[in-house]
Amino acid sequence: MPNKIKDLIASIILVTIIILVGFYATRPTKTEPKEMTEKNVPQTNDLEKTCIDNNGKWLAEYKECENIDEKTCANIGGQFESCGSACRHTKSDMCIMLCVPFCKITDSIQKQTINDPLNTSYLIEETPVIFKNGLVEIANGPEQSLTKQKFSIFGKPIYGDLDGDKKDDATVIITSNPGGSGTFFYVAGVINNGNNYEGTNGILLGDRIAPQNVEIKDGVITVNYAERKPNEPMTTPPSIGVSKHFIVKSKILREQKETDVKEYQNPVSQ
């Protein structure tokens, strides 16, 4: 074999080796995923959680939640924009003509400290409702002229330990008036996390009932109220006494049967 051909083959082999070495040297190495611990689990505040839970995209730098509806935005005290620019946070001269609905969180809302049961969020009919001084109004539709659903804390919060950590949790009765003649009553728990109070889901008690008293004993919430007989018109005053019991497990309020309450005892022992 002529020497020129041998030299050409050797050069090709050398170049191939150099290319392969460079490829493997610069290829990203595979790393094992980190074990999910309390230190590396992403932490979000109530506003971020509400955004994510409603399929929104949280933009922490701009305190905005993209792609949520106006009702949810009003619920968290934000300013809703139905057709924001997709390039509002970029400096590019080229921009896609696309409307992006987003909710702008004002500084006053962002800095709000949730420190009692009258100023925290509850989940009512799968919708997060954030109270301010025990009240909140939410638009029932996209237009300002439409009726608003009004929520309020009925009476005062009742305090007691619900999760066995020796801290004063609470329970509240929430009323909802969607704009018609009905007034719907819910019971909810409030967990004391040390720095703030976190509301649970609300469970419906009934329409236009007559609450009597509420207590927390051995980790169990007991609500006593009066309701109407079956088929009685709403104009009839409630006269049938009812007692219902509830517990909080994993920050979720659950109704308990009378027989289960007697066996429940104290959450600390479970």
C-alpha atoms as a PDB file:
ATOM      1  CA  MET A   1       0.000   0.000   0.000  1.00  0.00           C
ATOM      2  CA  PRO A   2       1.463   3.371  -1.022  1.00  0.00           C
ATOM      3  CA  ASN A   3       2.644   5.554   1.876  1.00  0.00           C
ATOM      4  CA  LYS A   4       0.285   8.408   0.888  1.00  0.00           C
ATOM      5  CA  ILE A   5      -2.763   6.171   1.349  1.00  0.00           C
ATOM      6  CA  LYS A   6      -1.460   4.920   4.714  1.00  0.00           C
ATOM      7  CA  ASP A   7      -0.924   8.497   5.882  1.00  0.00           C
ATOM      8  CA  LEU A   8      -4.450   9.454   4.768  1.00  0.00           C
ATOM      9  CA  ILE A   9      -6.010   6.536   6.651  1.00  0.00           C
ATOM     10  CA  ALA A  10      -4.001   7.374   9.770  1.00  0.00           C
ATOM     11  CA  SER A  11      -5.129  11.001   9.585  1.00  0.00           C
ATOM     12  CA  ILE A  12      -8.788   9.989   9.277  1.00  0.00           C
ATOM     13  CA  ILE A  13      -8.466   7.654  12.263  1.00  0.00           C
ATOM     14  CA  LEU A  14      -6.775  10.373  14.328  1.00  0.00           C
ATOM     15  CA  VAL A  15      -9.445  12.964  13.493  1.00  0.00           C
ATOM     16  CA  THR A  16     -12.193  10.459  14.358  1.00  0.00           C
ATOM     17  CA  ILE A  17     -10.588   9.730  17.727  1.00  0.00           C
ATOM     18  CA  ILE A  18     -10.293  13.465  18.511  1.00  0.00           C
ATOM     19  CA  ILE A  19     -13.970  14.042  17.639  1.00  0.00           C
ATOM     20  CA  LEU A  20     -15.129  11.119  19.807  1.00  0.00           C
ATOM     21  CA  VAL A  21     -12.996  12.213  22.760  1.00  0.00           C
ATOM     22  CA  GLY A  22     -14.362  15.747  22.520  1.00  0.00           C
ATOM     23  CA  PHE A  23     -17.961  14.502  22.322  1.00  0.00           C
ATOM     24  CA  TYR A  24     -17.758  12.324  25.420  1.00  0.00           C
ATOM     25  CA  ALA A  25     -15.785  14.943  27.351  1.00  0.00           C
ATOM     26  CA  THR A  26     -18.428  17.637  26.816  1.00  0.00           C
ATOM     27  CA  ARG A  27     -21.537  15.457  27.116  1.00  0.00           C
ATOM     28  CA  PRO A  28     -23.549  16.229  30.268  1.00  0.00           C
ATOM     29  CA  THR A  29     -23.145  13.574  32.900  1.00  0.00           C
ATOM     30  CA  LYS A  30     -26.208  11.833  34.216  1.00  0.00           C
ATOM     31  CA  THR A  31     -26.969  12.686  37.827  1.00  0.00           C
ATOM     32  CA  GLU A  32     -29.281  10.846  40.134  1.00  0.00           C
ATOM     33  CA  PRO A  33     -32.339  12.812  41.260  1.00  0.00           C
ATOM     34  CA  LYS A  34     -32.094  14.262  44.759  1.00  0.00           C
ATOM     35  CA  GLU A  35     -34.119  12.654  47.446  1.00  0.00           C
ATOM     36  CA  MET A  36     -37.130  14.835  48.224  1.00  0.00           C
ATOM     37  CA  THR A  37     -36.635  16.156  51.733  1.00  0.00           C
ATOM     38  CA  GLU A  38     -38.044  19.056  53.698  1.00  0.00           C
ATOM     39  CA  LYS A  39     -34.931  21.092  52.800  1.00  0.00           C
ATOM     40  CA  ASN A  40     -35.282  20.874  49.019  1.00  0.00           C
ATOM     41  CA  VAL A  41     -39.063  20.693  48.610  1.00  0.00           C
ATOM     42  CA  PRO A  42     -40.205  23.922  46.875  1.00  0.00           C
ATOM     43  CA  GLN A  43     -42.032  26.220  49.291  1.00  0.00           C
ATOM     44  CA  THR A  44     -44.820  28.553  48.129  1.00  0.00           C
ATOM     45  CA  ASN A  45     -46.930  31.089  49.934  1.00  0.00           C
ATOM     46  CA  ASP A  46     -50.717  31.143  49.866  1.00  0.00           C
ATOM     47  CA  LEU A  47     -50.888  33.304  46.731  1.00  0.00           C
ATOM     48  CA  GLU A  48     -48.495  31.107  44.773  1.00  0.00           C
ATOM     49  CA  LYS A  49     -50.352  27.984  45.905  1.00  0.00           C
ATOM     50  CA  THR A  50     -53.696  29.439  44.845  1.00  0.00           C
ATOM     51  CA  CYS A  51     -52.226  30.304  41.440  1.00  0.00           C
ATOM     52  CA  ILE A  52     -50.788  26.825  40.908  1.00  0.00           C
ATOM     53  CA  ASP A  53     -53.895  25.055  42.243  1.00  0.00           C
ATOM     54  CA  ASN A  54     -55.970  26.913  39.630  1.00  0.00           C
ATOM     55  CA  ASN A  55     -53.690  25.810  36.757  1.00  0.00           C
ATOM     56  CA  GLY A  56     -51.970  29.180  36.627  1.00  0.00           C
ATOM     57  CA  LYS A  57     -48.310  30.011  36.064  1.00  0.00           C
ATOM     58  CA  TRP A  58     -46.725  31.957  38.912  1.00  0.00           C
ATOM     59  CA  LEU A  59     -44.201  34.659  37.940  1.00  0.00           C
ATOM     60  CA  ALA A  60     -42.470  35.364  41.237  1.00  0.00           C
ATOM     61  CA  GLU A  61     -40.310  38.209  39.892  1.00  0.00           C
ATOM     62  CA  TYR A  62     -43.361  40.190  38.770  1.00  0.00           C
ATOM     63  CA  LYS A  63     -45.861  38.932  41.376  1.00  0.00           C
ATOM     64  CA  GLU A  64     -48.218  37.787  38.622  1.00  0.00           C
ATOM     65  CA  CYS A  65     -50.277  34.680  37.960  1.00  0.00           C
ATOM     66  CA  GLU A  66     -50.899  33.926  34.295  1.00  0.00           C
ATOM     67  CA  ASN A  67     -53.881  32.049  32.865  1.00  0.00           C
ATOM     68  CA  ILE A  68     -56.314  32.241  35.782  1.00  0.00           C
ATOM     69  CA  ASP A  69     -59.823  33.662  35.554  1.00  0.00           C
ATOM     70  CA  GLU A  70     -61.095  36.975  36.882  1.00  0.00           C
ATOM     71  CA  LYS A  71     -63.084  35.344  39.699  1.00  0.00           C
ATOM     72  CA  THR A  72     -59.999  33.664  41.150  1.00  0.00           C
ATOM     73  CA  CYS A  73     -57.981  36.861  40.712  1.00  0.00           C
ATOM     74  CA  ALA A  74     -60.572  38.907  42.592  1.00  0.00           C
ATOM     75  CA  ASN A  75     -60.643  36.215  45.247  1.00  0.00           C
ATOM     76  CA  ILE A  76     -56.947  36.706  46.047  1.00  0.00           C
ATOM     77  CA  GLY A  77     -57.218  40.496  45.886  1.00  0.00           C
ATOM     78  CA  GLY A  78     -55.356  40.950  42.596  1.00  0.00           C
ATOM     79  CA  GLN A  79     -55.849  43.189  39.578  1.00  0.00           C
ATOM     80  CA  PHE A  80     -57.096  41.233  36.552  1.00  0.00           C
ATOM     81  CA  GLU A  81     -55.983  41.889  32.974  1.00  0.00           C
ATOM     82  CA  SER A  82     -57.894  39.894  30.361  1.00  0.00           C
ATOM     83  CA  CYS A  83     -55.557  40.593  27.443  1.00  0.00           C
ATOM     84  CA  GLY A  84     -52.005  41.230  28.541  1.00  0.00           C
ATOM     85  CA  SER A  85     -49.128  41.210  26.089  1.00  0.00           C
ATOM     86  CA  ALA A  86     -47.208  37.947  25.838  1.00  0.00           C
ATOM     87  CA  CYS A  87     -44.033  40.042  25.667  1.00  0.00           C
ATOM     88  CA  ARG A  88     -44.771  42.497  28.478  1.00  0.00           C
ATOM     89  CA  HIS A  89     -41.679  41.401  30.399  1.00  0.00           C
ATOM     90  CA  THR A  90     -39.277  41.087  27.452  1.00  0.00           C
ATOM     91  CA  LYS A  91     -37.214  43.688  25.599  1.00  0.00           C
ATOM     92  CA  SER A  92     -37.501  42.016  22.181  1.00  0.00           C
ATOM     93  CA  ASP A  93     -38.748  44.081  19.241  1.00  0.00           C
ATOM     94  CA  MET A  94     -40.491  40.994  17.858  1.00  0.00           C
ATOM     95  CA  CYS A  95     -43.627  39.899  19.722  1.00  0.00           C
ATOM     96  CA  ILE A  96     -46.355  37.339  19.106  1.00  0.00           C
ATOM     97  CA  MET A  97     -49.788  38.975  18.933  1.00  0.00           C
ATOM     98  CA  LEU A  98     -51.285  36.851  21.668  1.00  0.00           C
ATOM     99  CA  CYS A  99     -53.503  37.785  24.623  1.00  0.00           C
ATOM    100  CA  VAL A 100     -52.394  36.405  27.976  1.00  0.00           C
ATOM    101  CA  PRO A 101     -54.844  36.767  30.888  1.00  0.00           C
ATOM    102  CA  PHE A 102     -53.002  37.455  34.113  1.00  0.00           C
ATOM    103  CA  CYS A 103     -53.548  38.581  37.680  1.00  0.00           C
ATOM    104  CA  LYS A 104     -51.279  41.250  39.154  1.00  0.00           C
ATOM    105  CA  ILE A 105     -50.710  41.001  42.896  1.00  0.00           C
ATOM    106  CA  THR A 106     -50.279  44.421  44.480  1.00  0.00           C
ATOM    107  CA  ASP A 107     -47.650  45.065  47.119  1.00  0.00           C
ATOM    108  CA  SER A 108     -50.275  45.582  49.794  1.00  0.00           C
ATOM    109  CA  ILE A 109     -51.726  42.125  49.150  1.00  0.00           C
ATOM    110  CA  GLN A 110     -48.306  40.493  48.839  1.00  0.00           C
ATOM    111  CA  LYS A 111     -47.179  41.929  52.177  1.00  0.00           C
ATOM    112  CA  GLN A 112     -50.410  41.050  53.954  1.00  0.00           C
ATOM    113  CA  THR A 113     -49.763  38.970  57.051  1.00  0.00           C
ATOM    114  CA  ILE A 114     -52.278  36.255  57.721  1.00  0.00           C
ATOM    115  CA  ASN A 115     -52.416  36.058  61.500  1.00  0.00           C
ATOM    116  CA  ASP A 116     -55.923  35.085  62.576  1.00  0.00           C
ATOM    117  CA  PRO A 117     -58.967  33.081  61.426  1.00  0.00           C
ATOM    118  CA  LEU A 118     -60.664  36.230  60.099  1.00  0.00           C
ATOM    119  CA  ASN A 119     -57.792  36.911  57.680  1.00  0.00           C
ATOM    120  CA  THR A 120     -56.941  33.654  55.992  1.00  0.00           C
ATOM    121  CA  SER A 121     -58.126  31.471  53.117  1.00  0.00           C
ATOM    122  CA  TYR A 122     -60.708  28.671  53.073  1.00  0.00           C
ATOM    123  CA  LEU A 123     -61.713  26.233  50.344  1.00  0.00           C
ATOM    124  CA  ILE A 124     -65.439  26.670  49.670  1.00  0.00           C
ATOM    125  CA  GLU A 125     -66.944  24.400  47.000  1.00  0.00           C
ATOM    126  CA  GLU A 126     -63.407  23.789  45.661  1.00  0.00           C
ATOM    127  CA  THR A 127     -62.792  27.538  45.310  1.00  0.00           C
ATOM    128  CA  PRO A 128     -60.140  29.286  47.455  1.00  0.00           C
ATOM    129  CA  VAL A 129     -61.725  32.200  49.322  1.00  0.00           C
ATOM    130  CA  ILE A 130     -59.406  34.672  51.072  1.00  0.00           C
ATOM    131  CA  PHE A 131     -61.048  36.673  53.855  1.00  0.00           C
ATOM    132  CA  LYS A 132     -60.114  40.131  55.056  1.00  0.00           C
ATOM    133  CA  ASN A 133     -61.514  41.036  58.448  1.00  0.00           C
ATOM    134  CA  GLY A 134     -64.021  38.199  58.117  1.00  0.00           C
ATOM    135  CA  LEU A 135     -65.523  39.370  54.812  1.00  0.00           C
ATOM    136  CA  VAL A 136     -65.013  38.955  51.072  1.00  0.00           C
ATOM    137  CA  GLU A 137     -67.000  39.553  47.887  1.00  0.00           C
ATOM    138  CA  ILE A 138     -66.387  37.652  44.653  1.00  0.00           C
ATOM    139  CA  ALA A 139     -67.812  38.534  41.248  1.00  0.00           C
ATOM    140  CA  ASN A 140     -70.058  35.802  39.842  1.00  0.00           C
ATOM    141  CA  GLY A 141     -68.968  36.574  36.284  1.00  0.00           C
ATOM    142  CA  PRO A 142     -66.491  38.548  34.165  1.00  0.00           C
ATOM    143  CA  GLU A 143     -68.647  41.671  34.012  1.00  0.00           C
ATOM    144  CA  GLN A 144     -68.622  44.172  36.867  1.00  0.00           C
ATOM    145  CA  SER A 145     -72.395  44.624  36.536  1.00  0.00           C
ATOM    146  CA  LEU A 146     -73.095  41.044  37.523  1.00  0.00           C
ATOM    147  CA  THR A 147     -73.980  40.100  41.082  1.00  0.00           C
ATOM    148  CA  LYS A 148     -71.317  39.318  43.636  1.00  0.00           C
ATOM    149  CA  GLN A 149     -71.176  36.370  45.970  1.00  0.00           C
ATOM    150  CA  LYS A 150     -70.692  37.506  49.553  1.00  0.00           C
ATOM    151  CA  PHE A 151     -68.911  35.460  52.198  1.00  0.00           C
ATOM    152  CA  SER A 152     -68.648  36.300  55.880  1.00  0.00           C
ATOM    153  CA  ILE A 153     -67.563  34.718  59.143  1.00  0.00           C
ATOM    154  CA  PHE A 154     -70.685  34.104  61.254  1.00  0.00           C
ATOM    155  CA  GLY A 155     -70.124  35.024  64.891  1.00  0.00           C
ATOM    156  CA  LYS A 156     -66.658  34.589  66.383  1.00  0.00           C
ATOM    157  CA  PRO A 157     -64.019  31.880  65.872  1.00  0.00           C
ATOM    158  CA  ILE A 158     -64.032  29.112  68.479  1.00  0.00           C
ATOM    159  CA  TYR A 159     -60.543  28.092  69.628  1.00  0.00           C
ATOM    160  CA  GLY A 160     -59.174  24.701  70.637  1.00  0.00           C
ATOM    161  CA  ASP A 161     -56.561  22.109  69.657  1.00  0.00           C
ATOM    162  CA  LEU A 162     -57.552  20.193  66.507  1.00  0.00           C
ATOM    163  CA  ASP A 163     -54.325  18.365  65.619  1.00  0.00           C
ATOM    164  CA  GLY A 164     -52.789  17.473  68.960  1.00  0.00           C
ATOM    165  CA  ASP A 165     -49.857  19.908  68.874  1.00  0.00           C
ATOM    166  CA  LYS A 166     -50.967  21.834  71.985  1.00  0.00           C
ATOM    167  CA  LYS A 167     -51.572  24.999  69.936  1.00  0.00           C
ATOM    168  CA  ASP A 168     -54.855  26.883  69.738  1.00  0.00           C
ATOM    169  CA  ASP A 169     -56.443  26.031  66.390  1.00  0.00           C
ATOM    170  CA  ALA A 170     -59.965  27.231  65.632  1.00  0.00           C
ATOM    171  CA  THR A 171     -63.229  26.590  63.834  1.00  0.00           C
ATOM    172  CA  VAL A 172     -65.506  29.076  62.093  1.00  0.00           C
ATOM    173  CA  ILE A 173     -68.973  29.164  60.590  1.00  0.00           C
ATOM    174  CA  ILE A 174     -68.968  30.745  57.123  1.00  0.00           C
ATOM    175  CA  THR A 175     -72.043  32.123  55.381  1.00  0.00           C
ATOM    176  CA  SER A 176     -72.316  32.392  51.607  1.00  0.00           C
ATOM    177  CA  ASN A 177     -74.871  34.562  49.846  1.00  0.00           C
ATOM    178  CA  PRO A 178     -74.608  34.035  46.071  1.00  0.00           C
ATOM    179  CA  GLY A 179     -76.983  36.886  45.260  1.00  0.00           C
ATOM    180  CA  GLY A 180     -80.354  35.163  45.540  1.00  0.00           C
ATOM    181  CA  SER A 181     -82.552  34.462  48.538  1.00  0.00           C
ATOM    182  CA  GLY A 182     -80.425  31.642  49.939  1.00  0.00           C
ATOM    183  CA  THR A 183     -77.860  31.936  52.715  1.00  0.00           C
ATOM    184  CA  PHE A 184     -75.659  28.853  52.902  1.00  0.00           C
ATOM    185  CA  PHE A 185     -73.795  27.927  56.086  1.00  0.00           C
ATOM    186  CA  TYR A 186     -70.443  26.092  56.120  1.00  0.00           C
ATOM    187  CA  VAL A 187     -68.184  24.902  58.917  1.00  0.00           C
ATOM    188  CA  ALA A 188     -64.406  25.027  58.489  1.00  0.00           C
ATOM    189  CA  GLY A 189     -61.322  24.364  60.586  1.00  0.00           C
ATOM    190  CA  VAL A 190     -58.338  26.671  61.048  1.00  0.00           C
ATOM    191  CA  ILE A 191     -54.902  25.196  61.790  1.00  0.00           C
ATOM    192  CA  ASN A 192     -52.358  27.209  63.780  1.00  0.00           C
ATOM    193  CA  ASN A 193     -48.972  26.723  62.085  1.00  0.00           C
ATOM    194  CA  GLY A 194     -47.129  28.851  64.610  1.00  0.00           C
ATOM    195  CA  ASN A 195     -46.676  31.847  62.319  1.00  0.00           C
ATOM    196  CA  ASN A 196     -50.137  31.992  60.779  1.00  0.00           C
ATOM    197  CA  TYR A 197     -53.539  30.333  60.579  1.00  0.00           C
ATOM    198  CA  GLU A 198     -54.399  28.112  57.608  1.00  0.00           C
ATOM    199  CA  GLY A 199     -58.052  27.477  56.797  1.00  0.00           C
ATOM    200  CA  THR A 200     -59.331  24.073  55.708  1.00  0.00           C
ATOM    201  CA  ASN A 201     -62.080  23.132  53.307  1.00  0.00           C
ATOM    202  CA  GLY A 202     -65.597  24.140  54.279  1.00  0.00           C
ATOM    203  CA  ILE A 203     -68.398  21.572  54.659  1.00  0.00           C
ATOM    204  CA  LEU A 204     -71.964  22.647  53.920  1.00  0.00           C
ATOM    205  CA  LEU A 205     -74.374  22.549  56.864  1.00  0.00           C
ATOM    206  CA  GLY A 206     -77.463  23.819  55.060  1.00  0.00           C
ATOM    207  CA  ASP A 207     -79.435  26.729  53.621  1.00  0.00           C
ATOM    208  CA  ARG A 208     -80.880  29.282  56.040  1.00  0.00           C
ATOM    209  CA  ILE A 209     -80.337  27.148  59.115  1.00  0.00           C
ATOM    210  CA  ALA A 210     -80.211  28.557  62.662  1.00  0.00           C
ATOM    211  CA  PRO A 211     -76.785  27.959  64.294  1.00  0.00           C
ATOM    212  CA  GLN A 212     -76.958  27.447  68.081  1.00  0.00           C
ATOM    213  CA  ASN A 213     -73.445  26.832  69.399  1.00  0.00           C
ATOM    214  CA  VAL A 214     -70.060  25.451  68.354  1.00  0.00           C
ATOM    215  CA  GLU A 215     -67.359  23.817  70.478  1.00  0.00           C
ATOM    216  CA  ILE A 216     -64.013  22.032  70.195  1.00  0.00           C
ATOM    217  CA  LYS A 217     -63.417  19.145  72.601  1.00  0.00           C
ATOM    218  CA  ASP A 218     -60.735  16.431  72.395  1.00  0.00           C
ATOM    219  CA  GLY A 219     -59.923  17.471  68.830  1.00  0.00           C
ATOM    220  CA  VAL A 220     -63.547  17.211  67.676  1.00  0.00           C
ATOM    221  CA  ILE A 221     -65.624  20.119  66.351  1.00  0.00           C
ATOM    222  CA  THR A 222     -69.302  19.900  67.324  1.00  0.00           C
ATOM    223  CA  VAL A 223     -71.840  22.167  65.618  1.00  0.00           C
ATOM    224  CA  ASN A 224     -75.371  22.403  66.985  1.00  0.00           C
ATOM    225  CA  TYR A 225     -78.051  24.052  64.860  1.00  0.00           C
ATOM    226  CA  ALA A 226     -81.720  23.923  63.908  1.00  0.00           C
ATOM    227  CA  GLU A 227     -83.088  23.033  60.483  1.00  0.00           C
ATOM    228  CA  ARG A 228     -86.485  22.499  58.908  1.00  0.00           C
ATOM    229  CA  LYS A 229     -88.433  19.293  58.527  1.00  0.00           C
ATOM    230  CA  PRO A 230     -88.260  17.620  55.113  1.00  0.00           C
ATOM    231  CA  ASN A 231     -90.477  19.353  52.530  1.00  0.00           C
ATOM    232  CA  GLU A 232     -91.089  22.357  54.791  1.00  0.00           C
ATOM    233  CA  PRO A 233     -90.951  25.701  52.938  1.00  0.00           C
ATOM    234  CA  MET A 234     -88.042  28.039  53.592  1.00  0.00           C
ATOM    235  CA  THR A 235     -90.470  30.522  55.144  1.00  0.00           C
ATOM    236  CA  THR A 236     -90.926  28.117  58.072  1.00  0.00           C
ATOM    237  CA  PRO A 237     -88.545  28.867  60.969  1.00  0.00           C
ATOM    238  CA  PRO A 238     -86.041  26.035  61.627  1.00  0.00           C
ATOM    239  CA  SER A 239     -87.204  23.845  64.513  1.00  0.00           C
ATOM    240  CA  ILE A 240     -85.406  20.489  64.279  1.00  0.00           C
ATOM    241  CA  GLY A 241     -82.233  20.257  66.404  1.00  0.00           C
ATOM    242  CA  VAL A 242     -79.147  18.807  64.697  1.00  0.00           C
ATOM    243  CA  SER A 243     -75.656  18.037  66.007  1.00  0.00           C
ATOM    244  CA  LYS A 244     -72.785  17.292  63.635  1.00  0.00           C
ATOM    245  CA  HIS A 245     -69.183  16.435  64.421  1.00  0.00           C
ATOM    246  CA  PHE A 246     -66.000  17.086  62.456  1.00  0.00           C
ATOM    247  CA  ILE A 247     -62.270  16.408  62.749  1.00  0.00           C
ATOM    248  CA  VAL A 248     -59.219  17.658  60.863  1.00  0.00           C
ATOM    249  CA  LYS A 249     -56.836  15.071  59.428  1.00  0.00           C
ATOM    250  CA  SER A 250     -53.914  16.101  57.224  1.00  0.00           C
ATOM    251  CA  LYS A 251     -55.381  19.617  57.148  1.00  0.00           C
ATOM    252  CA  ILE A 252     -58.643  18.301  55.645  1.00  0.00           C
ATOM    253  CA  LEU A 253     -61.933  18.726  57.496  1.00  0.00           C
ATOM    254  CA  ARG A 254     -63.984  15.522  57.631  1.00  0.00           C
ATOM    255  CA  GLU A 255     -67.409  14.794  59.081  1.00  0.00           C
ATOM    256  CA  GLN A 256     -67.580  12.145  61.802  1.00  0.00           C
ATOM    257  CA  LYS A 257     -70.495   9.917  62.768  1.00  0.00           C
ATOM    258  CA  GLU A 258     -71.693   9.979  66.375  1.00  0.00           C
ATOM    259  CA  THR A 259     -70.335   6.466  67.005  1.00  0.00           C
ATOM    260  CA  ASP A 260     -66.925   7.392  65.581  1.00  0.00           C
ATOM    261  CA  VAL A 261     -66.688  10.495  67.785  1.00  0.00           C
ATOM    262  CA  LYS A 262     -66.913   8.412  70.964  1.00  0.00           C
ATOM    263  CA  GLU A 263     -63.992   6.269  69.788  1.00  0.00           C
ATOM    264  CA  TYR A 264     -61.920   9.170  68.502  1.00  0.00           C
ATOM    265  CA  GLN A 265     -60.725  10.365  71.926  1.00  0.00           C
ATOM    266  CA  ASN A 266     -57.638  12.570  71.368  1.00  0.00           C
ATOM    267  CA  PRO A 267     -55.626  13.056  68.139  1.00  0.00           C
ATOM    268  CA  VAL A 268     -52.375  12.820  70.139  1.00  0.00           C
ATOM    269  CA  SER A 269     -52.866   9.131  70.818  1.00  0.00           C
ATOM    270  CA  GLN A 270     -53.431   8.253  67.163  1.00  0.00           C
END
